[in-house]
Amino acid sequence: MKKLVIEGKRDLKGEVHISGAKNSVVALIPATILTRGKCIIRNVPDISDVRMLISMMRELGSVVTFENEILTIDNSNVNPTCISEEYASKIRASYYFMGSLLGRYHHAEMSFPGGCVIGSRPIDFHINSFKKMGAKIEEKFDGFIMNVDGFKGIDIFFDFPSVGATVNVMIAAVLAKGTTRIVNAAREPEIENVADFLISMGAKITGAGSGTIIIEGVENLGDGEIDVIPDRIEAGTYLIIGSLLGTDFKVTGVIEEHITSLISKLKDAGVSIDVNGSTIKVSKPDRLKPVNIKTTVYPGFPTDLGQPMSTFLTQCEGESLFEETIYENRLRHIPHLNNMGADIKAFDKTAIIKGKTDLVGRKVKATDLRAGASMLVAGMIADGTTTIYNIEHLLRGYERIVSKLNNVGANIKLIDE
């Protein structure tokens, strides 16, 4: 069991470089199953989710090396066995193996996918789409057994632009017979990243990043390579921290257009922000103005930044409204913030946050990955010492977060009990 111990109220100055995007790489790795060739993925963050997926690939027979942020995968001897509960139950992105194994080997067995408990995240869109494409899926008490004679391209309409379902159907459709069209597809940058990787292997995909993606099936794929895009959620988290504690605090390796919704809200609150290419410089203002936040699908305000942003709102002078529209359990961190001195009233998926409140260090829990980021931000601005338990959640998504922050003036210790 690991915990973070944070001494708060430390001024920050310097720069933090952003790692590769977690939400891209967790799809890129399973996608390599589509080819028997070799794949090279660069700018890979060394996070626990990546290590878990590497173990899953090796369980399937892949030869994997991971050095200096470069992941090399050789799938020439893959044996498409069952994805065991030991792995699948610990990581949500395990569901991407459904699309890749069915697409390449026409058979898949796996336990139900795990991940953070942030609300109902059914995989109905995935399963129903696979069935429409020709798959036969048997649901057992502990997982799925799936078979298909060969996927057939069809038109698929999503009632909601699900990122996971968009990527999974895109992966499955690459080797399908005919053309697949995904309508009301998710438009997140990570989807474009996965599409570019598949195209490098020989896939025919157009429209990724728009509401309609068209995949023309091919017979086989070859070697592939890709650079993982910068992690916009990591970048946003550090920009929030810099806006509260920074002086000429720089976040480097950023794609500005991926986080325009956050930048706009921080400016509305009075934060000084200077964008110069891939570097964003922020400084804390004397006073923060209240702003309203409503999370939604890209390019709107991202749900993954909602929780750390809610901590930011406790330091705004006035009343802010926070509304989560994606997941119903994104507010489980609120009692921990209130325990530290925040004044937040939560109603279902909405919170009224009154500030400015002085936070005090306490013992708190990271109830999920982004809640862990929220608690980290709170601990850094609080008086005294904050101890965050269940910190394994946070380590799933942030590479070297302790050293990155300590290098710019923070005082954080990661303790393994």
Protein backbone atom coordinates (compact mmCIF):
# COMPACT_ATOMS: atom_id res chain seq x y z
CA MET A 1 0.00 0.00 0.00
CA LYS A 2 1.42 3.36 -1.04
CA LYS A 3 0.68 6.85 0.20
CA LEU A 4 1.69 10.40 -0.58
CA VAL A 5 2.78 12.80 2.12
CA ILE A 6 2.59 16.45 1.05
CA GLU A 7 3.86 19.55 2.80
CA GLY A 8 1.64 22.31 1.46
CA LYS A 9 1.99 25.98 0.59
CA ARG A 10 5.21 25.60 -1.41
CA ASP A 11 5.79 28.13 -4.18
CA LEU A 12 6.54 26.55 -7.54
CA LYS A 13 8.88 27.77 -10.25
CA GLY A 14 10.50 25.94 -13.14
CA GLU A 15 9.13 23.66 -15.78
CA VAL A 16 7.34 20.33 -16.05
CA HIS A 17 7.48 18.31 -19.27
CA ILE A 18 4.37 16.41 -20.28
CA SER A 19 4.51 12.65 -20.91
CA GLY A 20 2.66 10.62 -23.52
CA ALA A 21 -1.10 10.36 -23.20
CA LYS A 22 -2.39 7.54 -21.02
CA ASN A 23 -5.70 7.46 -22.87
CA SER A 24 -3.88 6.96 -26.17
CA VAL A 25 -1.32 4.36 -25.19
CA VAL A 26 -3.83 2.10 -23.44
CA ALA A 27 -5.56 1.69 -26.82
CA LEU A 28 -2.42 1.64 -28.95
CA ILE A 29 -0.95 -1.39 -27.17
CA PRO A 30 -3.97 -3.72 -27.66
CA ALA A 31 -4.28 -2.47 -31.27
CA THR A 32 -0.91 -4.04 -32.10
CA ILE A 33 -2.58 -7.47 -31.88
CA LEU A 34 -4.05 -6.77 -35.33
CA THR A 35 -0.69 -7.46 -36.97
CA ARG A 36 1.85 -10.27 -36.80
CA GLY A 37 4.51 -7.69 -37.60
CA LYS A 38 6.57 -5.46 -35.36
CA CYS A 39 5.29 -2.25 -33.84
CA ILE A 40 7.18 0.67 -32.34
CA ILE A 41 5.40 3.11 -30.03
CA ARG A 42 7.40 6.13 -28.87
CA ASN A 43 6.85 8.65 -26.05
CA VAL A 44 5.27 5.94 -23.89
CA PRO A 45 4.68 6.95 -20.25
CA ASP A 46 6.00 4.56 -17.61
CA ILE A 47 2.78 4.22 -15.62
CA SER A 48 1.17 1.23 -13.96
CA ASP A 49 -1.52 0.88 -16.65
CA VAL A 50 1.19 0.51 -19.31
CA ARG A 51 3.02 -2.09 -17.24
CA MET A 52 -0.25 -4.00 -16.79
CA LEU A 53 -0.94 -4.01 -20.54
CA ILE A 54 2.61 -5.19 -21.25
CA SER A 55 1.98 -8.15 -18.92
CA MET A 56 -1.24 -8.90 -20.80
CA MET A 57 0.57 -8.80 -24.15
CA ARG A 58 3.23 -11.16 -22.88
CA GLU A 59 0.52 -13.49 -21.61
CA LEU A 60 -0.74 -13.65 -25.19
CA GLY A 61 2.74 -14.49 -26.48
CA SER A 62 3.99 -11.08 -27.65
CA VAL A 63 7.67 -10.22 -27.31
CA VAL A 64 7.80 -6.79 -25.70
CA THR A 65 10.66 -4.46 -24.80
CA PHE A 66 10.20 -1.13 -23.04
CA GLU A 67 13.20 1.19 -22.76
CA ASN A 68 13.67 4.97 -22.81
CA GLU A 69 9.97 5.63 -23.49
CA ILE A 70 10.05 3.34 -26.55
CA LEU A 71 7.82 0.28 -26.63
CA THR A 72 8.65 -2.41 -29.20
CA ILE A 73 6.17 -5.22 -29.74
CA ASP A 74 6.66 -8.35 -31.89
CA ASN A 75 3.42 -10.29 -32.36
CA SER A 76 4.74 -12.99 -34.72
CA ASN A 77 4.11 -15.74 -32.15
CA VAL A 78 0.90 -14.56 -30.48
CA ASN A 79 -1.35 -17.30 -29.16
CA PRO A 80 -4.80 -15.74 -28.63
CA THR A 81 -5.57 -17.30 -25.26
CA CYS A 82 -7.97 -15.98 -22.65
CA ILE A 83 -7.31 -12.58 -21.07
CA SER A 84 -7.29 -13.60 -17.42
CA GLU A 85 -9.21 -11.92 -14.62
CA GLU A 86 -5.88 -11.17 -12.92
CA TYR A 87 -5.27 -8.49 -15.53
CA ALA A 88 -8.62 -7.59 -17.08
CA SER A 89 -10.27 -6.77 -13.76
CA LYS A 90 -7.60 -4.20 -12.93
CA ILE A 91 -7.68 -2.04 -16.03
CA ARG A 92 -10.62 -0.59 -17.93
CA ALA A 93 -8.75 -0.48 -21.25
CA SER A 94 -8.57 -4.28 -21.33
CA TYR A 95 -11.77 -4.09 -23.39
CA TYR A 96 -9.73 -2.98 -26.41
CA PHE A 97 -8.50 -6.56 -26.67
CA MET A 98 -12.06 -7.49 -27.65
CA GLY A 99 -11.84 -5.55 -30.90
CA SER A 100 -8.27 -6.53 -31.73
CA LEU A 101 -8.57 -10.26 -30.92
CA LEU A 102 -11.90 -10.62 -32.71
CA GLY A 103 -10.63 -8.62 -35.65
CA ARG A 104 -7.43 -10.61 -36.08
CA TYR A 105 -8.21 -14.08 -34.68
CA HIS A 106 -12.05 -14.12 -34.73
CA HIS A 107 -12.13 -15.34 -31.12
CA ALA A 108 -11.73 -13.72 -27.72
CA GLU A 109 -12.24 -14.74 -24.12
CA MET A 110 -11.83 -12.28 -21.30
CA SER A 111 -13.08 -11.27 -17.90
CA PHE A 112 -15.08 -8.11 -17.33
CA PRO A 113 -12.93 -4.97 -17.59
CA GLY A 114 -12.04 -3.17 -14.36
CA GLY A 115 -10.75 0.34 -13.64
CA CYS A 116 -11.82 3.22 -11.43
CA VAL A 117 -15.28 3.20 -9.86
CA ILE A 118 -16.54 6.54 -11.18
CA GLY A 119 -20.03 5.45 -12.12
CA SER A 120 -21.85 3.24 -14.55
CA ARG A 121 -19.64 2.63 -17.55
CA PRO A 122 -21.40 -0.13 -19.45
CA ILE A 123 -19.76 -1.57 -22.54
CA ASP A 124 -23.11 -2.07 -24.30
CA PHE A 125 -22.02 0.13 -27.21
CA HIS A 126 -19.01 -2.12 -27.75
CA ILE A 127 -20.89 -5.40 -27.45
CA ASN A 128 -23.89 -4.34 -29.54
CA SER A 129 -21.63 -2.99 -32.28
CA PHE A 130 -19.67 -6.24 -32.43
CA LYS A 131 -22.92 -8.18 -32.68
CA LYS A 132 -24.14 -5.99 -35.53
CA MET A 133 -20.83 -6.67 -37.30
CA GLY A 134 -21.45 -10.41 -37.03
CA ALA A 135 -20.02 -11.54 -33.69
CA LYS A 136 -21.65 -14.10 -31.41
CA ILE A 137 -21.09 -13.16 -27.80
CA GLU A 138 -21.84 -15.29 -24.76
CA GLU A 139 -21.84 -13.52 -21.43
CA LYS A 140 -20.89 -15.69 -18.46
CA PHE A 141 -20.83 -14.85 -14.78
CA ASP A 142 -17.18 -13.77 -14.97
CA GLY A 143 -16.74 -12.47 -18.51
CA PHE A 144 -17.31 -13.00 -22.23
CA ILE A 145 -16.71 -15.66 -24.87
CA MET A 146 -16.79 -14.09 -28.33
CA ASN A 147 -16.59 -15.56 -31.83
CA VAL A 148 -17.01 -14.23 -35.34
CA ASP A 149 -16.55 -15.77 -38.78
CA GLY A 150 -15.21 -12.42 -39.89
CA PHE A 151 -16.44 -8.93 -39.17
CA LYS A 152 -18.62 -7.30 -41.84
CA GLY A 153 -18.54 -3.58 -42.40
CA ILE A 154 -21.78 -1.74 -41.59
CA ASP A 155 -23.03 1.68 -40.53
CA ILE A 156 -23.01 2.14 -36.75
CA PHE A 157 -24.71 5.03 -34.99
CA PHE A 158 -23.86 5.86 -31.37
CA ASP A 159 -26.52 7.49 -29.18
CA PHE A 160 -23.62 9.00 -27.24
CA PRO A 161 -20.11 9.69 -28.62
CA SER A 162 -18.30 7.11 -26.48
CA VAL A 163 -14.51 7.27 -26.72
CA GLY A 164 -13.99 3.61 -25.80
CA ALA A 165 -16.63 2.31 -28.20
CA THR A 166 -15.41 4.54 -31.03
CA VAL A 167 -11.85 3.24 -30.68
CA ASN A 168 -12.92 -0.39 -30.21
CA VAL A 169 -15.16 -0.44 -33.28
CA MET A 170 -12.47 1.31 -35.31
CA ILE A 171 -9.95 -1.35 -34.27
CA ALA A 172 -12.40 -4.17 -35.04
CA ALA A 173 -13.36 -2.73 -38.44
CA VAL A 174 -9.83 -2.44 -39.82
CA LEU A 175 -9.77 -6.10 -40.98
CA ALA A 176 -13.51 -6.38 -41.66
CA LYS A 177 -14.98 -7.17 -45.06
CA GLY A 178 -16.38 -4.01 -46.58
CA THR A 179 -16.74 -0.52 -45.20
CA THR A 180 -17.68 0.51 -41.68
CA ARG A 181 -19.01 3.96 -40.93
CA ILE A 182 -19.19 5.21 -37.34
CA VAL A 183 -21.72 8.04 -36.98
CA ASN A 184 -21.71 10.31 -33.90
CA ALA A 185 -18.18 9.11 -33.19
CA ALA A 186 -16.18 10.62 -30.34
CA ARG A 187 -13.74 13.32 -31.47
CA GLU A 188 -11.04 13.21 -28.80
CA PRO A 189 -7.41 13.68 -29.95
CA GLU A 190 -6.54 10.21 -28.67
CA ILE A 191 -8.82 8.71 -31.33
CA GLU A 192 -6.84 10.45 -34.07
CA ASN A 193 -3.64 9.11 -32.51
CA VAL A 194 -4.92 5.53 -32.65
CA ALA A 195 -6.17 6.01 -36.22
CA ASP A 196 -2.76 7.33 -37.32
CA PHE A 197 -1.13 4.25 -35.82
CA LEU A 198 -3.51 1.89 -37.61
CA ILE A 199 -2.94 3.77 -40.87
CA SER A 200 0.83 3.32 -40.43
CA MET A 201 0.16 -0.44 -40.41
CA GLY A 202 -1.82 -0.24 -43.63
CA ALA A 203 -5.37 0.48 -42.45
CA LYS A 204 -7.67 2.72 -44.50
CA ILE A 205 -9.34 5.21 -42.16
CA THR A 206 -10.72 8.68 -42.82
CA GLY A 207 -12.53 11.13 -40.60
CA ALA A 208 -10.90 10.35 -37.25
CA GLY A 209 -11.35 13.41 -35.05
CA SER A 210 -14.70 14.22 -36.63
CA GLY A 211 -18.21 12.97 -35.94
CA THR A 212 -18.07 10.42 -38.75
CA ILE A 213 -15.26 7.90 -39.18
CA ILE A 214 -15.06 5.66 -42.26
CA ILE A 215 -12.99 2.46 -42.19
CA GLU A 216 -12.47 0.49 -45.38
CA GLY A 217 -11.46 -3.05 -44.43
CA VAL A 218 -8.13 -4.50 -45.61
CA GLU A 219 -6.94 -8.12 -45.70
CA ASN A 220 -3.92 -7.75 -43.43
CA LEU A 221 -1.66 -5.25 -41.72
CA GLY A 222 2.11 -4.88 -41.55
CA ASP A 223 4.58 -3.17 -39.24
CA GLY A 224 3.49 0.04 -37.53
CA GLU A 225 4.90 2.95 -35.59
CA ILE A 226 3.58 6.02 -33.83
CA ASP A 227 4.49 8.79 -31.39
CA VAL A 228 2.05 9.01 -28.48
CA ILE A 229 0.54 12.50 -28.29
CA PRO A 230 1.13 14.58 -25.14
CA ASP A 231 -1.23 13.83 -22.27
CA ARG A 232 -3.72 16.71 -22.22
CA ILE A 233 -5.08 15.63 -18.81
CA GLU A 234 -1.61 15.60 -17.24
CA ALA A 235 -0.93 18.99 -18.84
CA GLY A 236 -4.21 20.35 -17.49
CA THR A 237 -3.49 19.07 -13.99
CA TYR A 238 -0.12 20.83 -13.88
CA LEU A 239 -1.60 24.03 -15.29
CA ILE A 240 -4.17 23.99 -12.49
CA ILE A 241 -1.41 23.49 -9.91
CA GLY A 242 0.69 26.25 -11.49
CA SER A 243 -2.29 28.60 -11.46
CA LEU A 244 -2.54 28.17 -7.69
CA LEU A 245 1.13 28.08 -6.66
CA GLY A 246 3.29 29.04 -9.62
CA THR A 247 5.43 32.01 -10.60
CA ASP A 248 6.46 31.84 -14.26
CA PHE A 249 5.63 28.13 -14.02
CA LYS A 250 6.10 26.39 -17.38
CA VAL A 251 4.38 23.31 -18.72
CA THR A 252 6.23 22.07 -21.82
CA GLY A 253 5.45 19.60 -24.58
CA VAL A 254 1.79 20.64 -24.79
CA ILE A 255 -0.62 20.79 -27.73
CA GLU A 256 -2.58 23.95 -26.93
CA GLU A 257 -5.64 23.11 -29.02
CA HIS A 258 -6.19 19.95 -26.95
CA ILE A 259 -6.82 21.97 -23.76
CA THR A 260 -8.42 25.19 -25.00
CA SER A 261 -11.48 24.65 -22.78
CA LEU A 262 -9.31 24.60 -19.64
CA ILE A 263 -7.17 27.54 -20.74
CA SER A 264 -10.32 29.58 -21.36
CA LYS A 265 -11.70 28.84 -17.88
CA LEU A 266 -8.39 29.60 -16.16
CA LYS A 267 -8.21 32.95 -17.97
CA ASP A 268 -11.81 33.69 -16.95
CA ALA A 269 -10.74 33.09 -13.34
CA GLY A 270 -7.95 35.65 -13.70
CA VAL A 271 -4.91 33.42 -14.25
CA SER A 272 -2.06 34.88 -16.30
CA ILE A 273 -1.37 32.46 -19.17
CA ASP A 274 1.23 32.85 -21.90
CA VAL A 275 1.33 30.31 -24.75
CA ASN A 276 4.52 30.04 -26.80
CA GLY A 277 4.39 27.08 -29.16
CA SER A 278 4.35 23.90 -27.08
CA THR A 279 5.14 25.76 -23.83
CA ILE A 280 2.50 27.30 -21.58
CA LYS A 281 3.56 29.64 -18.77
CA VAL A 282 1.24 30.41 -15.85
CA SER A 283 1.48 32.52 -12.71
CA LYS A 284 -0.89 32.65 -9.78
CA PRO A 285 -2.90 35.89 -9.52
CA ASP A 286 -3.56 37.85 -6.35
CA ARG A 287 -7.24 37.00 -6.64
CA LEU A 288 -9.18 34.26 -8.43
CA LYS A 289 -12.68 34.94 -9.72
CA PRO A 290 -15.38 32.24 -9.57
CA VAL A 291 -16.21 30.36 -12.77
CA ASN A 292 -18.75 27.71 -13.68
CA ILE A 293 -17.60 24.34 -15.00
CA LYS A 294 -19.66 21.83 -16.95
CA THR A 295 -17.88 18.72 -18.14
CA THR A 296 -18.83 17.33 -21.52
CA VAL A 297 -17.42 15.50 -24.53
CA TYR A 298 -14.48 16.90 -26.49
CA PRO A 299 -13.87 19.70 -27.34
CA GLY A 300 -15.78 20.69 -24.21
CA PHE A 301 -14.36 20.69 -20.69
CA PRO A 302 -12.99 17.16 -20.06
CA THR A 303 -14.49 15.03 -17.32
CA ASP A 304 -10.99 13.86 -16.38
CA LEU A 305 -10.09 17.42 -15.35
CA GLY A 306 -13.31 18.08 -13.47
CA GLN A 307 -12.11 16.77 -10.12
CA PRO A 308 -8.79 18.66 -9.95
CA MET A 309 -10.62 21.74 -11.23
CA SER A 310 -13.12 21.46 -8.39
CA THR A 311 -10.20 21.91 -5.98
CA PHE A 312 -9.16 25.00 -7.92
CA LEU A 313 -12.67 26.43 -7.48
CA THR A 314 -12.32 26.32 -3.67
CA GLN A 315 -9.75 29.10 -4.05
CA CYS A 316 -11.97 31.38 -6.15
CA GLU A 317 -13.58 34.29 -4.29
CA GLY A 318 -17.28 33.70 -4.69
CA GLU A 319 -19.66 30.93 -5.68
CA SER A 320 -18.85 28.53 -8.52
CA LEU A 321 -21.10 25.88 -10.01
CA PHE A 322 -19.58 22.54 -10.99
CA GLU A 323 -21.63 20.12 -13.12
CA GLU A 324 -20.51 16.64 -14.20
CA THR A 325 -22.44 15.28 -17.19
CA ILE A 326 -20.51 12.10 -18.05
CA TYR A 327 -20.19 9.92 -14.92
CA GLU A 328 -22.41 9.87 -11.86
CA ASN A 329 -19.71 9.08 -9.28
CA ARG A 330 -17.24 11.85 -10.07
CA LEU A 331 -18.00 13.67 -6.80
CA ARG A 332 -16.83 11.06 -4.31
CA HIS A 333 -13.82 13.25 -3.52
CA ILE A 334 -16.02 16.10 -2.25
CA PRO A 335 -16.29 14.83 1.37
CA HIS A 336 -12.49 14.69 1.52
CA LEU A 337 -12.22 18.28 0.27
CA ASN A 338 -14.80 19.40 2.83
CA ASN A 339 -12.83 17.58 5.51
CA MET A 340 -9.88 19.78 4.56
CA GLY A 341 -11.96 22.92 4.98
CA ALA A 342 -13.74 23.40 1.65
CA ASP A 343 -17.33 24.66 1.52
CA ILE A 344 -18.98 22.43 -1.08
CA LYS A 345 -22.57 21.26 -1.28
CA ALA A 346 -23.03 18.32 -3.66
CA PHE A 347 -26.31 17.30 -5.29
CA ASP A 348 -26.20 14.20 -7.48
CA LYS A 349 -23.74 15.27 -10.22
CA THR A 350 -23.70 18.96 -9.35
CA ALA A 351 -21.76 20.89 -6.70
CA ILE A 352 -21.95 24.44 -5.41
CA ILE A 353 -18.48 25.53 -4.36
CA LYS A 354 -18.04 28.63 -2.18
CA GLY A 355 -14.67 30.26 -1.79
CA LYS A 356 -12.16 31.30 -1.01
CA THR A 357 -11.59 28.70 1.71
CA ASP A 358 -8.31 27.97 3.44
CA LEU A 359 -7.60 24.26 3.26
CA VAL A 360 -5.84 22.39 6.06
CA GLY A 361 -3.80 19.22 5.69
CA ARG A 362 -5.66 16.02 6.59
CA LYS A 363 -5.57 12.27 5.97
CA VAL A 364 -7.62 11.64 2.83
CA LYS A 365 -8.17 8.96 0.18
CA ALA A 366 -7.84 8.85 -3.58
CA THR A 367 -11.17 7.25 -4.48
CA ASP A 368 -10.17 7.03 -8.15
CA LEU A 369 -7.46 8.29 -10.53
CA ARG A 370 -8.68 11.85 -11.06
CA ALA A 371 -9.93 12.14 -7.49
CA GLY A 372 -6.33 11.39 -6.55
CA ALA A 373 -5.26 14.36 -8.68
CA SER A 374 -7.83 16.50 -6.89
CA MET A 375 -6.47 15.47 -3.50
CA LEU A 376 -2.91 16.15 -4.69
CA VAL A 377 -3.85 19.69 -5.70
CA ALA A 378 -5.62 20.17 -2.36
CA GLY A 379 -2.63 18.91 -0.39
CA MET A 380 -0.28 21.24 -2.25
CA ILE A 381 -2.32 24.37 -1.40
CA ALA A 382 -3.24 23.33 2.15
CA ASP A 383 -1.61 24.46 5.38
CA GLY A 384 0.37 21.67 7.02
CA THR A 385 0.72 18.04 6.03
CA THR A 386 -1.67 16.05 3.87
CA THR A 387 -1.47 12.28 3.57
CA ILE A 388 -3.23 10.65 0.62
CA TYR A 389 -3.98 6.94 0.81
CA ASN A 390 -4.93 4.57 -2.05
CA ILE A 391 -2.47 6.53 -4.16
CA GLU A 392 -2.08 3.59 -6.56
CA HIS A 393 -5.04 5.12 -8.42
CA LEU A 394 -3.04 8.28 -9.13
CA LEU A 395 0.03 6.36 -10.29
CA ARG A 396 -2.06 4.70 -13.01
CA GLY A 397 -2.17 7.94 -14.96
CA TYR A 398 0.71 10.26 -14.01
CA GLU A 399 4.31 9.40 -14.85
CA ARG A 400 6.94 10.39 -12.25
CA ILE A 401 4.51 12.85 -10.69
CA VAL A 402 6.45 13.12 -7.42
CA SER A 403 9.81 13.90 -9.01
CA LYS A 404 8.27 16.26 -11.57
CA LEU A 405 6.66 18.37 -8.83
CA ASN A 406 9.57 18.18 -6.39
CA ASN A 407 11.87 19.45 -9.14
CA VAL A 408 9.88 22.70 -9.30
CA GLY A 409 9.70 23.28 -5.54
CA ALA A 410 7.10 20.92 -4.08
CA ASN A 411 7.72 18.77 -1.00
CA ILE A 412 6.08 15.40 -1.68
CA LYS A 413 7.11 11.95 -0.51
CA LEU A 414 5.88 8.64 -1.91
CA ILE A 415 5.91 6.08 0.88
CA ASP A 416 5.48 2.35 0.37
CA GLU A 417 4.06 0.86 3.56
